[in-house]
Amino acid sequence: MIAIIDYGLGNLESVKYALDRLERASELTSDPERILSADGVILPGVGAFGRAMEMFGRRNLLEAAREAAGSGRPFMGICLGQQLLLSVSAEHGTHEGLDIIPGKVVRFGEDLTVPHMGWNQVRQDGPCPLLEGIADESFFYFAHSYYVVPGERAAAVGTTEYGRRFASVIQSGMVFGTQFHPEKSGPVGLRMLSNFCGLCDRSECTG
């Protein structure tokens, strides 16, 4: 079973629908025990960083998310969910994140139209199991005004050009993040989610 963390914000149902299309067992949950016992975890997100962290605290999900990400089982953050994985965000002030992957979240420059919304390409800058079978420079769907700057350059395994080149796919061990929405990105997005499910299968066999 794949746990989709329900912290009161985010595109939860669209992620669940995509996994249903793949015929993968998943569950929307805010139960720490269900999150920690899952074969893999997805952290979706739409909205403001500070509000999301506040909701995490209210639902007692902070330690469960950190423990799940450190367990060695696959963990994937999507859009705001990716940003929450990092240490700190500059969105509407300074807010501490989950600090699972060192780094910061910053806003696009004033010279750019924000949010960055629509289809854009992802260049594969390093090996990543989520990108297996997906052509380099494939298009994915984005909707965001902030982006992540990982503390270690090697964590950026996929990048996208919008005014500057930014990290759009990150990886640290079995923790992954995508700035785009794979669940809204057609066949290539479903392939990415299928790749994640495959990692969960392997984790279940060895866990």
N, C-alpha and C. Protein backbone atom coordinates (compact mmCIF):
# COMPACT_ATOMS: atom_id res chain seq x y z
N MET A 1 0.83 -1.20 0.00
CA MET A 1 0.00 0.00 0.00
C MET A 1 0.87 1.26 0.00
N ILE A 2 0.45 2.24 -0.80
CA ILE A 2 1.14 3.53 -0.83
C ILE A 2 0.30 4.54 -0.05
N ALA A 3 0.91 5.18 0.92
CA ALA A 3 0.23 6.18 1.72
C ALA A 3 0.38 7.55 1.07
N ILE A 4 -0.74 8.24 0.87
CA ILE A 4 -0.74 9.62 0.39
C ILE A 4 -1.05 10.49 1.60
N ILE A 5 -0.08 11.29 2.02
CA ILE A 5 -0.25 12.04 3.27
C ILE A 5 -1.31 13.12 3.12
N ASP A 6 -2.31 13.04 3.97
CA ASP A 6 -3.40 14.02 4.00
C ASP A 6 -3.15 14.98 5.16
N TYR A 7 -2.65 16.17 4.84
CA TYR A 7 -2.41 17.17 5.89
C TYR A 7 -3.36 18.36 5.74
N GLY A 8 -4.46 18.14 5.01
CA GLY A 8 -5.49 19.15 4.89
C GLY A 8 -5.33 20.11 3.74
N LEU A 9 -4.26 19.97 2.98
CA LEU A 9 -4.03 20.80 1.80
C LEU A 9 -3.55 19.89 0.68
N GLY A 10 -3.65 20.37 -0.56
CA GLY A 10 -2.99 19.65 -1.64
C GLY A 10 -3.94 18.97 -2.60
N ASN A 11 -3.33 18.48 -3.67
CA ASN A 11 -4.06 17.83 -4.76
C ASN A 11 -4.17 16.33 -4.48
N LEU A 12 -4.77 16.01 -3.35
CA LEU A 12 -4.78 14.63 -2.89
C LEU A 12 -5.54 13.71 -3.82
N GLU A 13 -6.73 14.14 -4.21
CA GLU A 13 -7.59 13.26 -4.99
C GLU A 13 -7.03 12.98 -6.37
N SER A 14 -6.35 13.96 -6.98
CA SER A 14 -5.79 13.73 -8.31
C SER A 14 -4.65 12.72 -8.27
N VAL A 15 -3.88 12.73 -7.20
CA VAL A 15 -2.81 11.73 -7.04
C VAL A 15 -3.43 10.35 -6.82
N LYS A 16 -4.45 10.29 -5.98
CA LYS A 16 -5.14 9.02 -5.73
C LYS A 16 -5.75 8.48 -7.02
N TYR A 17 -6.35 9.35 -7.82
CA TYR A 17 -6.96 8.93 -9.07
C TYR A 17 -5.91 8.36 -10.02
N ALA A 18 -4.73 9.02 -10.09
CA ALA A 18 -3.67 8.53 -10.97
C ALA A 18 -3.20 7.14 -10.54
N LEU A 19 -3.06 6.92 -9.24
CA LEU A 19 -2.65 5.59 -8.76
C LEU A 19 -3.74 4.56 -9.00
N ASP A 20 -5.01 5.00 -8.89
CA ASP A 20 -6.11 4.08 -9.22
C ASP A 20 -6.04 3.66 -10.68
N ARG A 21 -5.70 4.61 -11.56
CA ARG A 21 -5.58 4.28 -12.98
C ARG A 21 -4.48 3.25 -13.21
N LEU A 22 -3.45 3.30 -12.39
CA LEU A 22 -2.36 2.34 -12.49
C LEU A 22 -2.68 1.03 -11.76
N GLU A 23 -3.87 0.99 -11.15
CA GLU A 23 -4.33 -0.18 -10.40
C GLU A 23 -3.38 -0.49 -9.24
N ARG A 24 -2.97 0.58 -8.57
CA ARG A 24 -2.09 0.45 -7.40
C ARG A 24 -2.86 0.79 -6.14
N ALA A 25 -2.69 -0.04 -5.12
CA ALA A 25 -3.37 0.18 -3.84
C ALA A 25 -2.77 1.42 -3.16
N SER A 26 -3.63 2.37 -2.80
CA SER A 26 -3.17 3.58 -2.11
C SER A 26 -4.25 4.04 -1.15
N GLU A 27 -3.86 4.93 -0.26
CA GLU A 27 -4.77 5.38 0.79
C GLU A 27 -4.44 6.82 1.17
N LEU A 28 -5.46 7.68 1.21
CA LEU A 28 -5.30 9.01 1.77
C LEU A 28 -5.35 8.89 3.28
N THR A 29 -4.31 9.36 3.96
CA THR A 29 -4.29 9.14 5.41
C THR A 29 -3.53 10.25 6.14
N SER A 30 -3.99 10.53 7.34
CA SER A 30 -3.25 11.40 8.26
C SER A 30 -2.90 10.64 9.53
N ASP A 31 -2.93 9.31 9.44
CA ASP A 31 -2.60 8.44 10.56
C ASP A 31 -1.10 8.11 10.50
N PRO A 32 -0.33 8.57 11.49
CA PRO A 32 1.11 8.30 11.46
C PRO A 32 1.45 6.82 11.34
N GLU A 33 0.67 5.96 11.99
CA GLU A 33 0.96 4.53 11.93
C GLU A 33 0.77 3.98 10.52
N ARG A 34 -0.24 4.44 9.81
CA ARG A 34 -0.46 3.99 8.44
C ARG A 34 0.66 4.49 7.52
N ILE A 35 1.10 5.71 7.77
CA ILE A 35 2.20 6.26 6.97
C ILE A 35 3.48 5.45 7.19
N LEU A 36 3.75 5.11 8.44
CA LEU A 36 5.00 4.42 8.76
C LEU A 36 4.98 2.96 8.34
N SER A 37 3.80 2.38 8.16
CA SER A 37 3.72 0.97 7.76
C SER A 37 3.57 0.79 6.25
N ALA A 38 3.45 1.90 5.51
CA ALA A 38 3.23 1.82 4.06
C ALA A 38 4.50 1.37 3.33
N ASP A 39 4.29 0.80 2.13
CA ASP A 39 5.43 0.40 1.30
C ASP A 39 6.11 1.61 0.67
N GLY A 40 5.38 2.70 0.54
CA GLY A 40 5.92 3.95 0.00
C GLY A 40 4.99 5.08 0.39
N VAL A 41 5.50 6.30 0.31
CA VAL A 41 4.74 7.47 0.75
C VAL A 41 4.82 8.55 -0.31
N ILE A 42 3.66 9.18 -0.60
CA ILE A 42 3.63 10.34 -1.48
C ILE A 42 3.12 11.54 -0.69
N LEU A 43 3.84 12.66 -0.80
CA LEU A 43 3.47 13.91 -0.15
C LEU A 43 3.09 14.92 -1.23
N PRO A 44 1.79 15.06 -1.53
CA PRO A 44 1.37 16.03 -2.55
C PRO A 44 1.37 17.44 -1.95
N GLY A 45 1.01 18.41 -2.77
CA GLY A 45 0.90 19.74 -2.20
C GLY A 45 0.51 20.82 -3.18
N VAL A 46 -0.43 21.65 -2.76
CA VAL A 46 -0.79 22.88 -3.44
C VAL A 46 -1.10 23.89 -2.34
N GLY A 47 -0.54 25.09 -2.43
CA GLY A 47 -0.82 26.10 -1.42
C GLY A 47 0.44 26.73 -0.88
N ALA A 48 0.34 27.32 0.29
CA ALA A 48 1.43 28.09 0.89
C ALA A 48 2.26 27.21 1.83
N PHE A 49 3.57 27.41 1.78
CA PHE A 49 4.52 26.61 2.54
C PHE A 49 4.24 26.71 4.05
N GLY A 50 4.14 27.94 4.57
CA GLY A 50 3.95 28.12 6.00
C GLY A 50 2.67 27.48 6.51
N ARG A 51 1.60 27.63 5.75
CA ARG A 51 0.33 27.02 6.13
C ARG A 51 0.43 25.51 6.14
N ALA A 52 1.13 24.95 5.15
CA ALA A 52 1.29 23.50 5.08
C ALA A 52 2.04 22.98 6.31
N MET A 53 3.13 23.65 6.70
CA MET A 53 3.87 23.20 7.88
C MET A 53 3.03 23.35 9.15
N GLU A 54 2.20 24.38 9.20
CA GLU A 54 1.30 24.54 10.34
C GLU A 54 0.33 23.36 10.43
N MET A 55 -0.21 22.96 9.27
CA MET A 55 -1.15 21.83 9.25
C MET A 55 -0.45 20.53 9.62
N PHE A 56 0.79 20.37 9.20
CA PHE A 56 1.57 19.19 9.59
C PHE A 56 1.67 19.11 11.11
N GLY A 57 1.96 20.23 11.73
CA GLY A 57 2.08 20.26 13.17
C GLY A 57 0.77 19.95 13.87
N ARG A 58 -0.32 20.53 13.38
CA ARG A 58 -1.64 20.31 13.99
C ARG A 58 -2.05 18.85 13.94
N ARG A 59 -1.66 18.16 12.86
CA ARG A 59 -2.06 16.76 12.70
C ARG A 59 -0.99 15.78 13.19
N ASN A 60 0.03 16.31 13.87
CA ASN A 60 1.09 15.46 14.44
C ASN A 60 1.75 14.58 13.38
N LEU A 61 2.04 15.19 12.23
CA LEU A 61 2.60 14.43 11.11
C LEU A 61 4.09 14.70 10.89
N LEU A 62 4.66 15.63 11.61
CA LEU A 62 6.05 16.02 11.34
C LEU A 62 7.01 14.85 11.52
N GLU A 63 6.95 14.21 12.67
CA GLU A 63 7.90 13.13 12.93
C GLU A 63 7.60 11.91 12.08
N ALA A 64 6.33 11.66 11.80
CA ALA A 64 5.98 10.51 10.95
C ALA A 64 6.56 10.69 9.55
N ALA A 65 6.45 11.90 9.01
CA ALA A 65 6.98 12.16 7.67
C ALA A 65 8.50 12.01 7.66
N ARG A 66 9.15 12.57 8.66
CA ARG A 66 10.62 12.47 8.72
C ARG A 66 11.08 11.02 8.91
N GLU A 67 10.38 10.29 9.77
CA GLU A 67 10.75 8.90 10.00
C GLU A 67 10.52 8.05 8.76
N ALA A 68 9.40 8.28 8.07
CA ALA A 68 9.12 7.53 6.85
C ALA A 68 10.17 7.81 5.79
N ALA A 69 10.57 9.09 5.66
CA ALA A 69 11.58 9.45 4.66
C ALA A 69 12.95 8.86 5.00
N GLY A 70 13.20 8.64 6.27
CA GLY A 70 14.49 8.07 6.68
C GLY A 70 14.50 6.57 6.78
N SER A 71 13.39 5.94 6.44
CA SER A 71 13.25 4.50 6.63
C SER A 71 13.90 3.67 5.53
N GLY A 72 14.21 4.32 4.39
CA GLY A 72 14.73 3.58 3.25
C GLY A 72 13.66 3.16 2.28
N ARG A 73 12.38 3.33 2.68
CA ARG A 73 11.29 3.06 1.74
C ARG A 73 11.08 4.28 0.85
N PRO A 74 10.57 4.10 -0.37
CA PRO A 74 10.41 5.23 -1.30
C PRO A 74 9.48 6.31 -0.74
N PHE A 75 9.88 7.54 -0.92
CA PHE A 75 9.14 8.71 -0.43
C PHE A 75 9.21 9.76 -1.53
N MET A 76 8.06 10.32 -1.93
CA MET A 76 8.03 11.24 -3.06
C MET A 76 7.20 12.47 -2.72
N GLY A 77 7.80 13.65 -2.86
CA GLY A 77 7.10 14.92 -2.70
C GLY A 77 6.77 15.51 -4.06
N ILE A 78 5.56 16.06 -4.19
CA ILE A 78 5.10 16.62 -5.46
C ILE A 78 4.76 18.09 -5.27
N CYS A 79 5.32 18.96 -6.11
CA CYS A 79 5.08 20.41 -6.12
C CYS A 79 5.38 20.99 -4.74
N LEU A 80 4.40 21.53 -4.02
CA LEU A 80 4.67 22.01 -2.67
C LEU A 80 5.22 20.90 -1.80
N GLY A 81 4.78 19.67 -2.05
CA GLY A 81 5.31 18.53 -1.30
C GLY A 81 6.80 18.38 -1.46
N GLN A 82 7.33 18.67 -2.65
CA GLN A 82 8.78 18.66 -2.84
C GLN A 82 9.41 19.78 -2.03
N GLN A 83 8.85 20.97 -2.06
CA GLN A 83 9.42 22.10 -1.34
C GLN A 83 9.45 21.85 0.16
N LEU A 84 8.43 21.18 0.68
CA LEU A 84 8.38 20.88 2.11
C LEU A 84 9.51 19.97 2.56
N LEU A 85 10.09 19.22 1.65
CA LEU A 85 11.19 18.32 1.99
C LEU A 85 12.44 19.09 2.40
N LEU A 86 12.56 20.34 1.98
CA LEU A 86 13.79 21.09 2.20
C LEU A 86 13.81 21.76 3.57
N SER A 87 14.91 22.46 3.86
CA SER A 87 15.16 22.98 5.21
C SER A 87 14.36 24.23 5.53
N VAL A 88 14.26 25.14 4.54
CA VAL A 88 13.67 26.44 4.82
C VAL A 88 13.09 27.03 3.55
N SER A 89 12.03 27.83 3.70
CA SER A 89 11.41 28.50 2.56
C SER A 89 11.31 30.00 2.83
N ALA A 90 11.43 30.78 1.75
CA ALA A 90 11.30 32.23 1.84
C ALA A 90 9.93 32.69 1.37
N GLU A 91 8.95 31.80 1.34
CA GLU A 91 7.61 32.17 0.88
C GLU A 91 6.85 32.91 1.98
N HIS A 92 6.57 34.20 1.76
CA HIS A 92 5.83 35.02 2.73
C HIS A 92 6.50 34.98 4.11
N GLY A 93 7.79 35.28 4.13
CA GLY A 93 8.55 35.21 5.37
C GLY A 93 9.49 34.02 5.35
N THR A 94 10.01 33.67 6.49
CA THR A 94 10.92 32.53 6.60
C THR A 94 10.24 31.43 7.39
N HIS A 95 10.19 30.23 6.79
CA HIS A 95 9.51 29.11 7.43
C HIS A 95 10.40 27.87 7.37
N GLU A 96 10.51 27.18 8.48
CA GLU A 96 11.26 25.92 8.51
C GLU A 96 10.46 24.82 7.84
N GLY A 97 11.18 23.99 7.06
CA GLY A 97 10.55 22.84 6.41
C GLY A 97 10.83 21.56 7.17
N LEU A 98 10.59 20.44 6.50
CA LEU A 98 10.83 19.14 7.12
C LEU A 98 12.32 18.84 7.28
N ASP A 99 13.16 19.51 6.50
CA ASP A 99 14.62 19.37 6.58
C ASP A 99 15.06 17.93 6.32
N ILE A 100 14.37 17.28 5.38
CA ILE A 100 14.74 15.93 4.98
C ILE A 100 15.86 15.98 3.95
N ILE A 101 15.80 16.96 3.05
CA ILE A 101 16.87 17.23 2.09
C ILE A 101 17.38 18.64 2.35
N PRO A 102 18.67 18.82 2.65
CA PRO A 102 19.18 20.16 2.92
C PRO A 102 18.98 21.09 1.71
N GLY A 103 18.60 22.32 1.99
CA GLY A 103 18.42 23.28 0.92
C GLY A 103 17.36 24.29 1.26
N LYS A 104 17.05 25.15 0.30
CA LYS A 104 16.10 26.24 0.54
C LYS A 104 15.13 26.35 -0.63
N VAL A 105 14.04 27.07 -0.37
CA VAL A 105 13.01 27.33 -1.38
C VAL A 105 12.96 28.84 -1.61
N VAL A 106 13.10 29.25 -2.87
CA VAL A 106 13.17 30.67 -3.20
C VAL A 106 12.17 31.00 -4.31
N ARG A 107 11.88 32.30 -4.46
CA ARG A 107 10.90 32.76 -5.44
C ARG A 107 11.59 33.09 -6.76
N PHE A 108 10.88 32.90 -7.86
CA PHE A 108 11.37 33.37 -9.14
C PHE A 108 11.54 34.88 -9.11
N GLY A 109 12.42 35.39 -9.97
CA GLY A 109 12.70 36.81 -10.02
C GLY A 109 11.51 37.63 -10.49
N GLU A 110 11.55 38.92 -10.15
CA GLU A 110 10.45 39.83 -10.51
C GLU A 110 10.33 40.02 -12.02
N ASP A 111 11.36 39.64 -12.77
CA ASP A 111 11.32 39.81 -14.21
C ASP A 111 10.52 38.72 -14.91
N LEU A 112 10.06 37.73 -14.15
CA LEU A 112 9.35 36.59 -14.74
C LEU A 112 7.88 36.62 -14.35
N THR A 113 7.05 36.10 -15.22
CA THR A 113 5.64 35.94 -14.91
C THR A 113 5.48 34.76 -13.95
N VAL A 114 4.82 35.00 -12.83
CA VAL A 114 4.54 33.92 -11.88
C VAL A 114 3.04 33.89 -11.60
N PRO A 115 2.50 32.72 -11.39
CA PRO A 115 3.22 31.46 -11.32
C PRO A 115 3.73 30.98 -12.69
N HIS A 116 4.79 30.20 -12.65
CA HIS A 116 5.24 29.46 -13.82
C HIS A 116 4.22 28.34 -14.01
N MET A 117 3.41 28.45 -15.06
CA MET A 117 2.29 27.53 -15.21
C MET A 117 2.22 26.99 -16.63
N GLY A 118 2.03 25.70 -16.74
CA GLY A 118 1.89 25.07 -18.03
C GLY A 118 2.95 24.01 -18.25
N TRP A 119 3.10 23.62 -19.51
CA TRP A 119 4.00 22.52 -19.87
C TRP A 119 5.41 23.04 -20.10
N ASN A 120 6.38 22.31 -19.56
CA ASN A 120 7.78 22.66 -19.76
C ASN A 120 8.60 21.38 -19.73
N GLN A 121 9.82 21.48 -20.25
CA GLN A 121 10.66 20.31 -20.40
C GLN A 121 11.53 20.07 -19.16
N VAL A 122 11.84 18.80 -18.95
CA VAL A 122 12.74 18.40 -17.88
C VAL A 122 13.96 17.74 -18.50
N ARG A 123 15.11 18.35 -18.24
CA ARG A 123 16.37 17.78 -18.70
C ARG A 123 16.90 16.84 -17.62
N GLN A 124 17.28 15.64 -18.03
CA GLN A 124 17.77 14.65 -17.08
C GLN A 124 19.27 14.87 -16.88
N ASP A 125 19.62 15.31 -15.67
CA ASP A 125 21.01 15.64 -15.36
C ASP A 125 21.73 14.57 -14.55
N GLY A 126 21.05 13.52 -14.24
CA GLY A 126 21.67 12.43 -13.49
C GLY A 126 20.76 11.23 -13.49
N PRO A 127 21.29 10.05 -13.17
CA PRO A 127 20.46 8.85 -13.14
C PRO A 127 19.44 8.94 -12.02
N CYS A 128 18.22 8.53 -12.31
CA CYS A 128 17.15 8.56 -11.31
C CYS A 128 16.13 7.51 -11.69
N PRO A 129 15.78 6.61 -10.77
CA PRO A 129 14.83 5.54 -11.12
C PRO A 129 13.44 6.06 -11.50
N LEU A 130 13.07 7.24 -11.04
CA LEU A 130 11.77 7.79 -11.45
C LEU A 130 11.73 8.11 -12.93
N LEU A 131 12.89 8.37 -13.53
CA LEU A 131 12.97 8.79 -14.93
C LEU A 131 13.21 7.62 -15.89
N GLU A 132 13.25 6.42 -15.36
CA GLU A 132 13.51 5.25 -16.20
C GLU A 132 12.42 5.12 -17.27
N GLY A 133 12.85 4.97 -18.52
CA GLY A 133 11.92 4.80 -19.62
C GLY A 133 11.27 6.08 -20.10
N ILE A 134 11.70 7.22 -19.57
CA ILE A 134 11.15 8.52 -19.97
C ILE A 134 12.21 9.27 -20.77
N ALA A 135 11.85 9.74 -21.94
CA ALA A 135 12.81 10.41 -22.82
C ALA A 135 13.30 11.72 -22.19
N ASP A 136 14.58 12.00 -22.38
CA ASP A 136 15.14 13.28 -21.94
C ASP A 136 14.39 14.42 -22.61
N GLU A 137 14.23 15.52 -21.88
CA GLU A 137 13.53 16.73 -22.36
C GLU A 137 12.03 16.49 -22.57
N SER A 138 11.47 15.50 -21.88
CA SER A 138 10.02 15.30 -21.92
C SER A 138 9.31 16.47 -21.23
N PHE A 139 8.06 16.69 -21.63
CA PHE A 139 7.26 17.78 -21.06
C PHE A 139 6.42 17.29 -19.89
N PHE A 140 6.39 18.12 -18.83
CA PHE A 140 5.55 17.87 -17.66
C PHE A 140 4.80 19.15 -17.31
N TYR A 141 3.78 19.01 -16.49
CA TYR A 141 2.92 20.16 -16.17
C TYR A 141 3.33 20.83 -14.86
N PHE A 142 3.59 22.13 -14.91
CA PHE A 142 4.04 22.91 -13.77
C PHE A 142 2.99 23.94 -13.36
N ALA A 143 2.99 24.28 -12.07
CA ALA A 143 2.18 25.39 -11.55
C ALA A 143 2.79 25.82 -10.22
N HIS A 144 3.71 26.81 -10.26
CA HIS A 144 4.42 27.21 -9.03
C HIS A 144 5.07 28.58 -9.20
N SER A 145 5.30 29.23 -8.08
CA SER A 145 5.99 30.53 -8.04
C SER A 145 7.33 30.44 -7.34
N TYR A 146 7.58 29.34 -6.64
CA TYR A 146 8.82 29.12 -5.89
C TYR A 146 9.46 27.83 -6.40
N TYR A 147 10.76 27.71 -6.18
CA TYR A 147 11.48 26.51 -6.60
C TYR A 147 12.54 26.17 -5.57
N VAL A 148 13.04 24.95 -5.62
CA VAL A 148 13.99 24.47 -4.63
C VAL A 148 15.43 24.67 -5.10
N VAL A 149 16.29 24.94 -4.13
CA VAL A 149 17.73 25.01 -4.35
C VAL A 149 18.37 24.03 -3.37
N PRO A 150 18.62 22.79 -3.81
CA PRO A 150 19.21 21.80 -2.90
C PRO A 150 20.60 22.23 -2.43
N GLY A 151 20.93 21.86 -1.20
CA GLY A 151 22.24 22.20 -0.67
C GLY A 151 23.37 21.50 -1.40
N GLU A 152 23.08 20.32 -1.95
CA GLU A 152 24.08 19.58 -2.72
C GLU A 152 23.63 19.53 -4.17
N ARG A 153 24.49 19.98 -5.07
CA ARG A 153 24.13 20.05 -6.48
C ARG A 153 23.75 18.70 -7.05
N ALA A 154 24.37 17.63 -6.54
CA ALA A 154 24.10 16.29 -7.06
C ALA A 154 22.66 15.86 -6.80
N ALA A 155 21.98 16.51 -5.86
CA ALA A 155 20.59 16.15 -5.56
C ALA A 155 19.65 16.55 -6.69
N ALA A 156 20.06 17.49 -7.54
CA ALA A 156 19.24 17.92 -8.66
C ALA A 156 19.48 16.99 -9.84
N VAL A 157 18.61 16.00 -10.01
CA VAL A 157 18.79 15.01 -11.07
C VAL A 157 17.99 15.37 -12.33
N GLY A 158 17.13 16.38 -12.22
CA GLY A 158 16.39 16.89 -13.37
C GLY A 158 16.25 18.39 -13.23
N THR A 159 16.40 19.12 -14.34
CA THR A 159 16.31 20.58 -14.29
C THR A 159 15.42 21.10 -15.41
N THR A 160 14.91 22.31 -15.21
CA THR A 160 14.00 22.94 -16.16
C THR A 160 14.40 24.40 -16.32
N GLU A 161 14.20 24.93 -17.52
CA GLU A 161 14.55 26.32 -17.83
C GLU A 161 13.31 27.21 -17.72
N TYR A 162 13.38 28.21 -16.83
CA TYR A 162 12.36 29.26 -16.78
C TYR A 162 13.03 30.51 -16.20
N GLY A 163 13.57 31.33 -17.08
CA GLY A 163 14.34 32.48 -16.65
C GLY A 163 15.73 32.10 -16.19
N ARG A 164 15.85 31.00 -15.54
CA ARG A 164 17.10 30.37 -15.12
C ARG A 164 16.84 28.87 -15.07
N ARG A 165 17.89 28.10 -14.95
CA ARG A 165 17.70 26.65 -14.85
C ARG A 165 17.57 26.29 -13.38
N PHE A 166 16.47 25.62 -13.05
CA PHE A 166 16.21 25.27 -11.65
C PHE A 166 15.98 23.77 -11.51
N ALA A 167 16.12 23.28 -10.30
CA ALA A 167 15.92 21.86 -10.02
C ALA A 167 14.44 21.53 -10.06
N SER A 168 14.07 20.63 -10.96
CA SER A 168 12.67 20.20 -11.06
C SER A 168 12.47 18.75 -10.65
N VAL A 169 13.55 17.99 -10.52
CA VAL A 169 13.51 16.64 -9.94
C VAL A 169 14.70 16.52 -9.00
N ILE A 170 14.45 16.13 -7.75
CA ILE A 170 15.53 15.97 -6.80
C ILE A 170 15.48 14.56 -6.21
N GLN A 171 16.64 14.12 -5.75
CA GLN A 171 16.73 12.79 -5.15
C GLN A 171 17.82 12.78 -4.10
N SER A 172 17.52 12.16 -2.96
CA SER A 172 18.51 11.87 -1.93
C SER A 172 18.18 10.49 -1.38
N GLY A 173 18.97 9.50 -1.76
CA GLY A 173 18.65 8.13 -1.39
C GLY A 173 17.33 7.71 -2.03
N MET A 174 16.39 7.29 -1.21
CA MET A 174 15.08 6.88 -1.72
C MET A 174 14.03 7.97 -1.52
N VAL A 175 14.48 9.19 -1.29
CA VAL A 175 13.57 10.33 -1.19
C VAL A 175 13.65 11.11 -2.50
N PHE A 176 12.49 11.35 -3.10
CA PHE A 176 12.42 12.02 -4.40
C PHE A 176 11.48 13.22 -4.30
N GLY A 177 11.69 14.17 -5.20
CA GLY A 177 10.77 15.29 -5.30
C GLY A 177 10.64 15.76 -6.73
N THR A 178 9.45 16.19 -7.12
CA THR A 178 9.24 16.77 -8.43
C THR A 178 8.52 18.10 -8.26
N GLN A 179 8.99 19.14 -8.94
CA GLN A 179 8.31 20.42 -8.87
C GLN A 179 7.04 20.42 -9.72
N PHE A 180 7.01 19.61 -10.74
CA PHE A 180 5.83 19.48 -11.60
C PHE A 180 4.86 18.46 -11.01
N HIS A 181 3.71 18.34 -11.65
CA HIS A 181 2.67 17.41 -11.22
C HIS A 181 2.66 16.20 -12.16
N PRO A 182 3.26 15.09 -11.79
CA PRO A 182 3.20 13.92 -12.67
C PRO A 182 1.77 13.42 -12.87
N GLU A 183 0.92 13.59 -11.87
CA GLU A 183 -0.45 13.11 -11.97
C GLU A 183 -1.28 13.92 -12.97
N LYS A 184 -0.75 15.06 -13.42
CA LYS A 184 -1.43 15.90 -14.40
C LYS A 184 -0.64 15.99 -15.71
N SER A 185 0.35 15.10 -15.88
CA SER A 185 1.28 15.19 -17.00
C SER A 185 1.12 14.10 -18.04
N GLY A 186 -0.06 13.51 -18.13
CA GLY A 186 -0.32 12.54 -19.19
C GLY A 186 0.48 11.26 -19.05
N PRO A 187 0.75 10.60 -20.17
CA PRO A 187 1.43 9.29 -20.14
C PRO A 187 2.80 9.32 -19.49
N VAL A 188 3.60 10.39 -19.70
CA VAL A 188 4.93 10.40 -19.08
C VAL A 188 4.81 10.53 -17.57
N GLY A 189 3.81 11.28 -17.11
CA GLY A 189 3.61 11.39 -15.67
C GLY A 189 3.17 10.09 -15.05
N LEU A 190 2.28 9.37 -15.75
CA LEU A 190 1.87 8.05 -15.26
C LEU A 190 3.05 7.08 -15.25
N ARG A 191 3.93 7.19 -16.24
CA ARG A 191 5.12 6.32 -16.25
C ARG A 191 5.99 6.61 -15.03
N MET A 192 6.13 7.90 -14.69
CA MET A 192 6.93 8.25 -13.51
C MET A 192 6.31 7.68 -12.24
N LEU A 193 5.00 7.80 -12.10
CA LEU A 193 4.33 7.25 -10.93
C LEU A 193 4.42 5.73 -10.92
N SER A 194 4.36 5.12 -12.09
CA SER A 194 4.53 3.67 -12.18
C SER A 194 5.93 3.25 -11.74
N ASN A 195 6.92 4.05 -12.12
CA ASN A 195 8.29 3.78 -11.68
C ASN A 195 8.40 3.85 -10.16
N PHE A 196 7.72 4.84 -9.57
CA PHE A 196 7.73 4.96 -8.11
C PHE A 196 7.08 3.73 -7.47
N CYS A 197 5.96 3.30 -8.03
CA CYS A 197 5.28 2.11 -7.52
C CYS A 197 6.19 0.88 -7.60
N GLY A 198 6.96 0.80 -8.69
CA GLY A 198 7.89 -0.32 -8.82
C GLY A 198 8.94 -0.33 -7.72
N LEU A 199 9.40 0.86 -7.34
CA LEU A 199 10.35 0.95 -6.23
C LEU A 199 9.70 0.48 -4.93
N CYS A 200 8.41 0.81 -4.76
CA CYS A 200 7.70 0.38 -3.56
C CYS A 200 7.57 -1.13 -3.54
N ASP A 201 7.35 -1.75 -4.68
CA ASP A 201 7.27 -3.20 -4.76
C ASP A 201 8.58 -3.83 -4.31
N ARG A 202 9.68 -3.28 -4.78
CA ARG A 202 10.99 -3.83 -4.40
C ARG A 202 11.26 -3.60 -2.92
N SER A 203 10.82 -2.46 -2.41
CA SER A 203 10.98 -2.17 -0.99
C SER A 203 10.20 -3.15 -0.14
N GLU A 204 8.99 -3.51 -0.60
CA GLU A 204 8.14 -4.46 0.12
C GLU A 204 8.80 -5.81 0.17
N CYS A 205 9.45 -6.20 -0.93
CA CYS A 205 10.08 -7.52 -0.98
C CYS A 205 11.30 -7.62 -0.06
N THR A 206 11.98 -6.48 0.12
CA THR A 206 13.22 -6.51 0.89
C THR A 206 13.07 -5.92 2.29
N GLY A 207 11.88 -5.35 2.57
CA GLY A 207 11.69 -4.61 3.82
C GLY A 207 11.47 -5.48 5.03
